[in-house]
Amino acid sequence: MSLTPHWFSTIFGFLAVVARDSAFRVLYCRPGAVGRQPPMSEVVTKKHLHDLGKLMLAFTMLWAYMSFSQLLIIWSGNLPDEIAGIRPA
């Protein structure tokens, strides 16, 4: 993440948890494939598939938001101290 070994980010753990959800997306897509064949075609409805799609969209948006937050942290840490208006902490 950074060239400085002592640098760390507090958002990296949350990002790893959200990225772990990508492994579960295979499981989210499984009812769509299984739901076309009887007897599961009577159990899995379009509402279930829409709900799973909304869940995948929510996790994707959360992942994008957290990835951008991580990028913003890294970018702001690499700004030179000589820029006018930015005071080092």
PDB file of N, CA and C in Angstrom:
ATOM      1  N   MET A   1       0.808  -1.184   0.000  1.00  0.00           N
ATOM      2  CA  MET A   1       0.000   0.000   0.000  1.00  0.00           C
ATOM      3  C   MET A   1       0.859   1.258   0.000  1.00  0.00           C
ATOM      4  N   SER A   2       1.941   1.219   0.672  1.00  0.00           N
ATOM      5  CA  SER A   2       2.780   2.394   0.782  1.00  0.00           C
ATOM      6  C   SER A   2       4.235   1.968   0.795  1.00  0.00           C
ATOM      7  N   LEU A   3       5.093   2.895   0.467  1.00  0.00           N
ATOM      8  CA  LEU A   3       6.522   2.619   0.487  1.00  0.00           C
ATOM      9  C   LEU A   3       7.095   2.729   1.898  1.00  0.00           C
ATOM     10  N   THR A   4       6.329   3.275   2.814  1.00  0.00           N
ATOM     11  CA  THR A   4       6.759   3.417   4.194  1.00  0.00           C
ATOM     12  C   THR A   4       6.308   2.192   4.985  1.00  0.00           C
ATOM     13  N   PRO A   5       7.230   1.428   5.562  1.00  0.00           N
ATOM     14  CA  PRO A   5       6.824   0.201   6.250  1.00  0.00           C
ATOM     15  C   PRO A   5       5.964   0.426   7.490  1.00  0.00           C
ATOM     16  N   HIS A   6       6.097   1.552   8.152  1.00  0.00           N
ATOM     17  CA  HIS A   6       5.331   1.775   9.371  1.00  0.00           C
ATOM     18  C   HIS A   6       3.938   2.331   9.098  1.00  0.00           C
ATOM     19  N   TRP A   7       3.609   2.583   7.836  1.00  0.00           N
ATOM     20  CA  TRP A   7       2.297   3.125   7.480  1.00  0.00           C
ATOM     21  C   TRP A   7       1.249   2.028   7.555  1.00  0.00           C
ATOM     22  N   PHE A   8       0.073   2.355   8.046  1.00  0.00           N
ATOM     23  CA  PHE A   8      -1.026   1.391   8.075  1.00  0.00           C
ATOM     24  C   PHE A   8      -2.326   2.136   7.840  1.00  0.00           C
ATOM     25  N   SER A   9      -3.329   1.389   7.464  1.00  0.00           N
ATOM     26  CA  SER A   9      -4.645   1.960   7.240  1.00  0.00           C
ATOM     27  C   SER A   9      -5.668   1.204   8.074  1.00  0.00           C
ATOM     28  N   THR A  10      -6.566   1.938   8.698  1.00  0.00           N
ATOM     29  CA  THR A  10      -7.574   1.300   9.522  1.00  0.00           C
ATOM     30  C   THR A  10      -8.731   0.769   8.683  1.00  0.00           C
ATOM     31  N   ILE A  11      -8.840   1.179   7.442  1.00  0.00           N
ATOM     32  CA  ILE A  11      -9.944   0.729   6.603  1.00  0.00           C
ATOM     33  C   ILE A  11      -9.620  -0.568   5.870  1.00  0.00           C
ATOM     34  N   PHE A  12      -8.374  -1.007   5.905  1.00  0.00           N
ATOM     35  CA  PHE A  12      -7.970  -2.189   5.150  1.00  0.00           C
ATOM     36  C   PHE A  12      -8.672  -3.452   5.640  1.00  0.00           C
ATOM     37  N   GLY A  13      -8.884  -3.579   6.938  1.00  0.00           N
ATOM     38  CA  GLY A  13      -9.584  -4.747   7.472  1.00  0.00           C
ATOM     39  C   GLY A  13     -11.021  -4.823   6.996  1.00  0.00           C
ATOM     40  N   PHE A  14     -11.717  -3.674   6.993  1.00  0.00           N
ATOM     41  CA  PHE A  14     -13.089  -3.650   6.497  1.00  0.00           C
ATOM     42  C   PHE A  14     -13.141  -3.988   5.013  1.00  0.00           C
ATOM     43  N   LEU A  15     -12.163  -3.507   4.269  1.00  0.00           N
ATOM     44  CA  LEU A  15     -12.107  -3.790   2.838  1.00  0.00           C
ATOM     45  C   LEU A  15     -11.886  -5.270   2.589  1.00  0.00           C
ATOM     46  N   ALA A  16     -11.101  -5.917   3.407  1.00  0.00           N
ATOM     47  CA  ALA A  16     -10.879  -7.358   3.260  1.00  0.00           C
ATOM     48  C   ALA A  16     -12.153  -8.142   3.557  1.00  0.00           C
ATOM     49  N   VAL A  17     -12.921  -7.696   4.530  1.00  0.00           N
ATOM     50  CA  VAL A  17     -14.179  -8.377   4.853  1.00  0.00           C
ATOM     51  C   VAL A  17     -15.177  -8.223   3.711  1.00  0.00           C
ATOM     52  N   VAL A  18     -15.262  -7.040   3.136  1.00  0.00           N
ATOM     53  CA  VAL A  18     -16.183  -6.812   2.023  1.00  0.00           C
ATOM     54  C   VAL A  18     -15.718  -7.564   0.780  1.00  0.00           C
ATOM     55  N   ALA A  19     -14.436  -7.626   0.551  1.00  0.00           N
ATOM     56  CA  ALA A  19     -13.922  -8.356  -0.611  1.00  0.00           C
ATOM     57  C   ALA A  19     -14.148  -9.854  -0.456  1.00  0.00           C
ATOM     58  N   ARG A  20     -14.227 -10.325   0.752  1.00  0.00           N
ATOM     59  CA  ARG A  20     -14.507 -11.740   0.994  1.00  0.00           C
ATOM     60  C   ARG A  20     -15.876 -12.116   0.452  1.00  0.00           C
ATOM     61  N   ASP A  21     -16.784 -11.151   0.386  1.00  0.00           N
ATOM     62  CA  ASP A  21     -18.121 -11.414  -0.126  1.00  0.00           C
ATOM     63  C   ASP A  21     -18.087 -11.830  -1.589  1.00  0.00           C
ATOM     64  N   SER A  22     -17.053 -11.473  -2.314  1.00  0.00           N
ATOM     65  CA  SER A  22     -16.980 -11.866  -3.711  1.00  0.00           C
ATOM     66  C   SER A  22     -16.903 -13.379  -3.855  1.00  0.00           C
ATOM     67  N   ALA A  23     -16.377 -14.056  -2.863  1.00  0.00           N
ATOM     68  CA  ALA A  23     -16.354 -15.513  -2.896  1.00  0.00           C
ATOM     69  C   ALA A  23     -17.762 -16.080  -2.735  1.00  0.00           C
ATOM     70  N   PHE A  24     -18.605 -15.380  -2.023  1.00  0.00           N
ATOM     71  CA  PHE A  24     -19.973 -15.845  -1.828  1.00  0.00           C
ATOM     72  C   PHE A  24     -20.874 -15.545  -3.019  1.00  0.00           C
ATOM     73  N   ARG A  25     -20.411 -14.731  -3.954  1.00  0.00           N
ATOM     74  CA  ARG A  25     -21.248 -14.419  -5.114  1.00  0.00           C
ATOM     75  C   ARG A  25     -21.533 -15.644  -5.955  1.00  0.00           C
ATOM     76  N   VAL A  26     -20.643 -16.607  -5.928  1.00  0.00           N
ATOM     77  CA  VAL A  26     -20.909 -17.864  -6.618  1.00  0.00           C
ATOM     78  C   VAL A  26     -22.107 -18.550  -5.975  1.00  0.00           C
ATOM     79  N   LEU A  27     -22.179 -18.492  -4.652  1.00  0.00           N
ATOM     80  CA  LEU A  27     -23.315 -19.089  -3.959  1.00  0.00           C
ATOM     81  C   LEU A  27     -24.599 -18.306  -4.205  1.00  0.00           C
ATOM     82  N   TYR A  28     -24.483 -16.986  -4.389  1.00  0.00           N
ATOM     83  CA  TYR A  28     -25.663 -16.179  -4.670  1.00  0.00           C
ATOM     84  C   TYR A  28     -26.234 -16.507  -6.047  1.00  0.00           C
ATOM     85  N   CYS A  29     -25.383 -16.841  -6.988  1.00  0.00           N
ATOM     86  CA  CYS A  29     -25.833 -17.148  -8.345  1.00  0.00           C
ATOM     87  C   CYS A  29     -26.346 -18.572  -8.472  1.00  0.00           C
ATOM     88  N   ARG A  30     -26.036 -19.408  -7.528  1.00  0.00           N
ATOM     89  CA  ARG A  30     -26.431 -20.814  -7.595  1.00  0.00           C
ATOM     90  C   ARG A  30     -27.944 -21.013  -7.621  1.00  0.00           C
ATOM     91  N   PRO A  31     -28.756 -20.304  -6.837  1.00  0.00           N
ATOM     92  CA  PRO A  31     -30.210 -20.515  -6.918  1.00  0.00           C
ATOM     93  C   PRO A  31     -30.779 -20.192  -8.300  1.00  0.00           C
ATOM     94  N   GLY A  32     -30.147 -19.303  -9.038  1.00  0.00           N
ATOM     95  CA  GLY A  32     -30.630 -19.005 -10.382  1.00  0.00           C
ATOM     96  C   GLY A  32     -30.481 -20.184 -11.312  1.00  0.00           C
ATOM     97  N   ALA A  33     -29.389 -20.916 -11.182  1.00  0.00           N
ATOM     98  CA  ALA A  33     -29.168 -22.079 -12.032  1.00  0.00           C
ATOM     99  C   ALA A  33     -29.999 -23.273 -11.564  1.00  0.00           C
ATOM    100  N   VAL A  34     -30.080 -23.470 -10.261  1.00  0.00           N
ATOM    101  CA  VAL A  34     -30.815 -24.608  -9.722  1.00  0.00           C
ATOM    102  C   VAL A  34     -32.318 -24.364  -9.788  1.00  0.00           C
ATOM    103  N   GLY A  35     -32.732 -23.109  -9.702  1.00  0.00           N
ATOM    104  CA  GLY A  35     -34.152 -22.777  -9.648  1.00  0.00           C
ATOM    105  C   GLY A  35     -34.906 -22.994 -10.936  1.00  0.00           C
ATOM    106  N   ARG A  36     -34.232 -23.318 -12.015  1.00  0.00           N
ATOM    107  CA  ARG A  36     -34.911 -23.550 -13.291  1.00  0.00           C
ATOM    108  C   ARG A  36     -35.432 -24.977 -13.426  1.00  0.00           C
ATOM    109  N   GLN A  37     -34.943 -25.869 -12.591  1.00  0.00           N
ATOM    110  CA  GLN A  37     -35.308 -27.278 -12.709  1.00  0.00           C
ATOM    111  C   GLN A  37     -36.231 -27.674 -11.564  1.00  0.00           C
ATOM    112  N   PRO A  38     -37.208 -28.529 -11.870  1.00  0.00           N
ATOM    113  CA  PRO A  38     -38.074 -28.998 -10.780  1.00  0.00           C
ATOM    114  C   PRO A  38     -37.276 -29.867  -9.832  1.00  0.00           C
ATOM    115  N   PRO A  39     -37.548 -29.931  -8.582  1.00  0.00           N
ATOM    116  CA  PRO A  39     -38.637 -29.318  -7.827  1.00  0.00           C
ATOM    117  C   PRO A  39     -38.311 -27.907  -7.330  1.00  0.00           C
ATOM    118  N   MET A  40     -37.078 -27.433  -7.560  1.00  0.00           N
ATOM    119  CA  MET A  40     -36.689 -26.114  -7.044  1.00  0.00           C
ATOM    120  C   MET A  40     -37.371 -24.970  -7.791  1.00  0.00           C
ATOM    121  N   SER A  41     -37.883 -25.217  -8.992  1.00  0.00           N
ATOM    122  CA  SER A  41     -38.554 -24.146  -9.738  1.00  0.00           C
ATOM    123  C   SER A  41     -39.819 -23.680  -9.029  1.00  0.00           C
ATOM    124  N   GLU A  42     -40.388 -24.516  -8.166  1.00  0.00           N
ATOM    125  CA  GLU A  42     -41.566 -24.115  -7.401  1.00  0.00           C
ATOM    126  C   GLU A  42     -41.194 -23.345  -6.138  1.00  0.00           C
ATOM    127  N   VAL A  43     -39.951 -23.489  -5.686  1.00  0.00           N
ATOM    128  CA  VAL A  43     -39.521 -22.856  -4.439  1.00  0.00           C
ATOM    129  C   VAL A  43     -38.835 -21.514  -4.705  1.00  0.00           C
ATOM    130  N   VAL A  44     -37.924 -21.482  -5.655  1.00  0.00           N
ATOM    131  CA  VAL A  44     -37.168 -20.268  -5.960  1.00  0.00           C
ATOM    132  C   VAL A  44     -37.973 -19.428  -6.952  1.00  0.00           C
ATOM    133  N   THR A  45     -38.386 -18.254  -6.498  1.00  0.00           N
ATOM    134  CA  THR A  45     -39.179 -17.367  -7.360  1.00  0.00           C
ATOM    135  C   THR A  45     -38.316 -16.216  -7.871  1.00  0.00           C
ATOM    136  N   LYS A  46     -38.907 -15.421  -8.755  1.00  0.00           N
ATOM    137  CA  LYS A  46     -38.178 -14.249  -9.262  1.00  0.00           C
ATOM    138  C   LYS A  46     -37.888 -13.252  -8.147  1.00  0.00           C
ATOM    139  N   LYS A  47     -38.761 -13.200  -7.156  1.00  0.00           N
ATOM    140  CA  LYS A  47     -38.529 -12.291  -6.030  1.00  0.00           C
ATOM    141  C   LYS A  47     -37.247 -12.671  -5.285  1.00  0.00           C
ATOM    142  N   HIS A  48     -37.008 -13.963  -5.115  1.00  0.00           N
ATOM    143  CA  HIS A  48     -35.779 -14.400  -4.459  1.00  0.00           C
ATOM    144  C   HIS A  48     -34.556 -13.978  -5.279  1.00  0.00           C
ATOM    145  N   LEU A  49     -34.622 -14.151  -6.574  1.00  0.00           N
ATOM    146  CA  LEU A  49     -33.491 -13.791  -7.428  1.00  0.00           C
ATOM    147  C   LEU A  49     -33.262 -12.282  -7.442  1.00  0.00           C
ATOM    148  N   HIS A  50     -34.351 -11.504  -7.420  1.00  0.00           N
ATOM    149  CA  HIS A  50     -34.207 -10.046  -7.348  1.00  0.00           C
ATOM    150  C   HIS A  50     -33.574  -9.629  -6.027  1.00  0.00           C
ATOM    151  N   ASP A  51     -33.980 -10.263  -4.940  1.00  0.00           N
ATOM    152  CA  ASP A  51     -33.395  -9.945  -3.633  1.00  0.00           C
ATOM    153  C   ASP A  51     -31.901 -10.273  -3.599  1.00  0.00           C
ATOM    154  N   LEU A  52     -31.510 -11.402  -4.173  1.00  0.00           N
ATOM    155  CA  LEU A  52     -30.089 -11.745  -4.227  1.00  0.00           C
ATOM    156  C   LEU A  52     -29.322 -10.768  -5.117  1.00  0.00           C
ATOM    157  N   GLY A  53     -29.949 -10.325  -6.198  1.00  0.00           N
ATOM    158  CA  GLY A  53     -29.312  -9.332  -7.063  1.00  0.00           C
ATOM    159  C   GLY A  53     -29.113  -7.998  -6.352  1.00  0.00           C
ATOM    160  N   LYS A  54     -30.101  -7.599  -5.575  1.00  0.00           N
ATOM    161  CA  LYS A  54     -29.978  -6.360  -4.801  1.00  0.00           C
ATOM    162  C   LYS A  54     -28.888  -6.474  -3.742  1.00  0.00           C
ATOM    163  N   LEU A  55     -28.773  -7.655  -3.132  1.00  0.00           N
ATOM    164  CA  LEU A  55     -27.722  -7.874  -2.145  1.00  0.00           C
ATOM    165  C   LEU A  55     -26.342  -7.788  -2.788  1.00  0.00           C
ATOM    166  N   MET A  56     -26.203  -8.381  -3.962  1.00  0.00           N
ATOM    167  CA  MET A  56     -24.921  -8.311  -4.669  1.00  0.00           C
ATOM    168  C   MET A  56     -24.593  -6.875  -5.059  1.00  0.00           C
ATOM    169  N   LEU A  57     -25.599  -6.113  -5.505  1.00  0.00           N
ATOM    170  CA  LEU A  57     -25.376  -4.711  -5.851  1.00  0.00           C
ATOM    171  C   LEU A  57     -24.968  -3.905  -4.626  1.00  0.00           C
ATOM    172  N   ALA A  58     -25.603  -4.151  -3.490  1.00  0.00           N
ATOM    173  CA  ALA A  58     -25.256  -3.420  -2.272  1.00  0.00           C
ATOM    174  C   ALA A  58     -23.816  -3.704  -1.852  1.00  0.00           C
ATOM    175  N   PHE A  59     -23.392  -4.966  -1.895  1.00  0.00           N
ATOM    176  CA  PHE A  59     -22.018  -5.292  -1.525  1.00  0.00           C
ATOM    177  C   PHE A  59     -21.021  -4.739  -2.536  1.00  0.00           C
ATOM    178  N   THR A  60     -21.395  -4.707  -3.816  1.00  0.00           N
ATOM    179  CA  THR A  60     -20.508  -4.132  -4.827  1.00  0.00           C
ATOM    180  C   THR A  60     -20.345  -2.633  -4.607  1.00  0.00           C
ATOM    181  N   MET A  61     -21.434  -1.946  -4.286  1.00  0.00           N
ATOM    182  CA  MET A  61     -21.343  -0.513  -4.019  1.00  0.00           C
ATOM    183  C   MET A  61     -20.542  -0.235  -2.747  1.00  0.00           C
ATOM    184  N   LEU A  62     -20.717  -1.072  -1.727  1.00  0.00           N
ATOM    185  CA  LEU A  62     -19.939  -0.917  -0.501  1.00  0.00           C
ATOM    186  C   LEU A  62     -18.461  -1.141  -0.772  1.00  0.00           C
ATOM    187  N   TRP A  63     -18.132  -2.162  -1.575  1.00  0.00           N
ATOM    188  CA  TRP A  63     -16.738  -2.435  -1.937  1.00  0.00           C
ATOM    189  C   TRP A  63     -16.142  -1.257  -2.694  1.00  0.00           C
ATOM    190  N   ALA A  64     -16.881  -0.675  -3.652  1.00  0.00           N
ATOM    191  CA  ALA A  64     -16.377   0.460  -4.421  1.00  0.00           C
ATOM    192  C   ALA A  64     -16.157   1.677  -3.523  1.00  0.00           C
ATOM    193  N   TYR A  65     -17.082   1.925  -2.605  1.00  0.00           N
ATOM    194  CA  TYR A  65     -16.954   3.051  -1.691  1.00  0.00           C
ATOM    195  C   TYR A  65     -15.732   2.900  -0.788  1.00  0.00           C
ATOM    196  N   MET A  66     -15.533   1.689  -0.270  1.00  0.00           N
ATOM    197  CA  MET A  66     -14.402   1.477   0.623  1.00  0.00           C
ATOM    198  C   MET A  66     -13.082   1.481  -0.140  1.00  0.00           C
ATOM    199  N   SER A  67     -13.083   0.988  -1.366  1.00  0.00           N
ATOM    200  CA  SER A  67     -11.861   1.035  -2.173  1.00  0.00           C
ATOM    201  C   SER A  67     -11.480   2.475  -2.482  1.00  0.00           C
ATOM    202  N   PHE A  68     -12.472   3.306  -2.792  1.00  0.00           N
ATOM    203  CA  PHE A  68     -12.184   4.714  -3.026  1.00  0.00           C
ATOM    204  C   PHE A  68     -11.684   5.395  -1.758  1.00  0.00           C
ATOM    205  N   SER A  69     -12.243   5.031  -0.615  1.00  0.00           N
ATOM    206  CA  SER A  69     -11.770   5.595   0.655  1.00  0.00           C
ATOM    207  C   SER A  69     -10.319   5.227   0.896  1.00  0.00           C
ATOM    208  N   GLN A  70      -9.963   3.977   0.590  1.00  0.00           N
ATOM    209  CA  GLN A  70      -8.576   3.540   0.743  1.00  0.00           C
ATOM    210  C   GLN A  70      -7.668   4.328  -0.194  1.00  0.00           C
ATOM    211  N   LEU A  71      -8.109   4.524  -1.437  1.00  0.00           N
ATOM    212  CA  LEU A  71      -7.336   5.303  -2.395  1.00  0.00           C
ATOM    213  C   LEU A  71      -7.151   6.733  -1.905  1.00  0.00           C
ATOM    214  N   LEU A  72      -8.187   7.316  -1.350  1.00  0.00           N
ATOM    215  CA  LEU A  72      -8.104   8.691  -0.856  1.00  0.00           C
ATOM    216  C   LEU A  72      -7.119   8.805   0.307  1.00  0.00           C
ATOM    217  N   ILE A  73      -7.104   7.807   1.185  1.00  0.00           N
ATOM    218  CA  ILE A  73      -6.165   7.811   2.304  1.00  0.00           C
ATOM    219  C   ILE A  73      -4.732   7.731   1.789  1.00  0.00           C
ATOM    220  N   ILE A  74      -4.484   6.831   0.850  1.00  0.00           N
ATOM    221  CA  ILE A  74      -3.134   6.675   0.296  1.00  0.00           C
ATOM    222  C   ILE A  74      -2.712   7.919  -0.455  1.00  0.00           C
ATOM    223  N   TRP A  75      -3.625   8.477  -1.256  1.00  0.00           N
ATOM    224  CA  TRP A  75      -3.300   9.671  -2.043  1.00  0.00           C
ATOM    225  C   TRP A  75      -2.973  10.857  -1.137  1.00  0.00           C
ATOM    226  N   SER A  76      -3.791  11.065  -0.098  1.00  0.00           N
ATOM    227  CA  SER A  76      -3.546  12.215   0.774  1.00  0.00           C
ATOM    228  C   SER A  76      -2.270  12.030   1.594  1.00  0.00           C
ATOM    229  N   GLY A  77      -1.879  10.801   1.869  1.00  0.00           N
ATOM    230  CA  GLY A  77      -0.646  10.551   2.598  1.00  0.00           C
ATOM    231  C   GLY A  77       0.600  10.790   1.771  1.00  0.00           C
ATOM    232  N   ASN A  78       0.463  10.727   0.451  1.00  0.00           N
ATOM    233  CA  ASN A  78       1.612  10.909  -0.425  1.00  0.00           C
ATOM    234  C   ASN A  78       1.749  12.334  -0.953  1.00  0.00           C
ATOM    235  N   LEU A  79       0.893  13.260  -0.490  1.00  0.00           N
ATOM    236  CA  LEU A  79       1.014  14.648  -0.925  1.00  0.00           C
ATOM    237  C   LEU A  79       2.254  15.277  -0.289  1.00  0.00           C
ATOM    238  N   PRO A  80       2.988  16.067  -1.051  1.00  0.00           N
ATOM    239  CA  PRO A  80       4.150  16.729  -0.447  1.00  0.00           C
ATOM    240  C   PRO A  80       3.707  17.791   0.562  1.00  0.00           C
ATOM    241  N   ASP A  81       4.549  17.999   1.555  1.00  0.00           N
ATOM    242  CA  ASP A  81       4.215  18.964   2.614  1.00  0.00           C
ATOM    243  C   ASP A  81       4.346  20.407   2.148  1.00  0.00           C
ATOM    244  N   GLU A  82       4.930  20.643   0.974  1.00  0.00           N
ATOM    245  CA  GLU A  82       5.148  21.993   0.512  1.00  0.00           C
ATOM    246  C   GLU A  82       3.931  22.608  -0.165  1.00  0.00           C
ATOM    247  N   ILE A  83       2.856  21.854  -0.320  1.00  0.00           N
ATOM    248  CA  ILE A  83       1.686  22.395  -0.984  1.00  0.00           C
ATOM    249  C   ILE A  83       1.051  23.438  -0.080  1.00  0.00           C
ATOM    250  N   ALA A  84       0.744  24.609  -0.658  1.00  0.00           N
ATOM    251  CA  ALA A  84       0.160  25.699   0.122  1.00  0.00           C
ATOM    252  C   ALA A  84      -1.244  25.320   0.598  1.00  0.00           C
ATOM    253  N   GLY A  85      -1.519  25.622   1.832  1.00  0.00           N
ATOM    254  CA  GLY A  85      -2.846  25.379   2.399  1.00  0.00           C
ATOM    255  C   GLY A  85      -2.962  24.058   3.113  1.00  0.00           C
ATOM    256  N   ILE A  86      -2.003  23.171   2.973  1.00  0.00           N
ATOM    257  CA  ILE A  86      -2.053  21.899   3.664  1.00  0.00           C
ATOM    258  C   ILE A  86      -0.984  21.895   4.744  1.00  0.00           C
ATOM    259  N   ARG A  87      -1.421  21.768   5.970  1.00  0.00           N
ATOM    260  CA  ARG A  87      -0.479  21.762   7.082  1.00  0.00           C
ATOM    261  C   ARG A  87      -0.288  20.350   7.586  1.00  0.00           C
ATOM    262  N   PRO A  88       0.930  19.951   7.822  1.00  0.00           N
ATOM    263  CA  PRO A  88       1.127  18.598   8.362  1.00  0.00           C
ATOM    264  C   PRO A  88       0.584  18.474   9.774  1.00  0.00           C
ATOM    265  N   ALA A  89       0.099  17.299  10.082  1.00  0.00           N
ATOM    266  CA  ALA A  89      -0.497  17.070  11.397  1.00  0.00           C
ATOM    267  C   ALA A  89       0.567  16.921  12.472  1.00  0.00           C
TER     268      ALA A  89
END
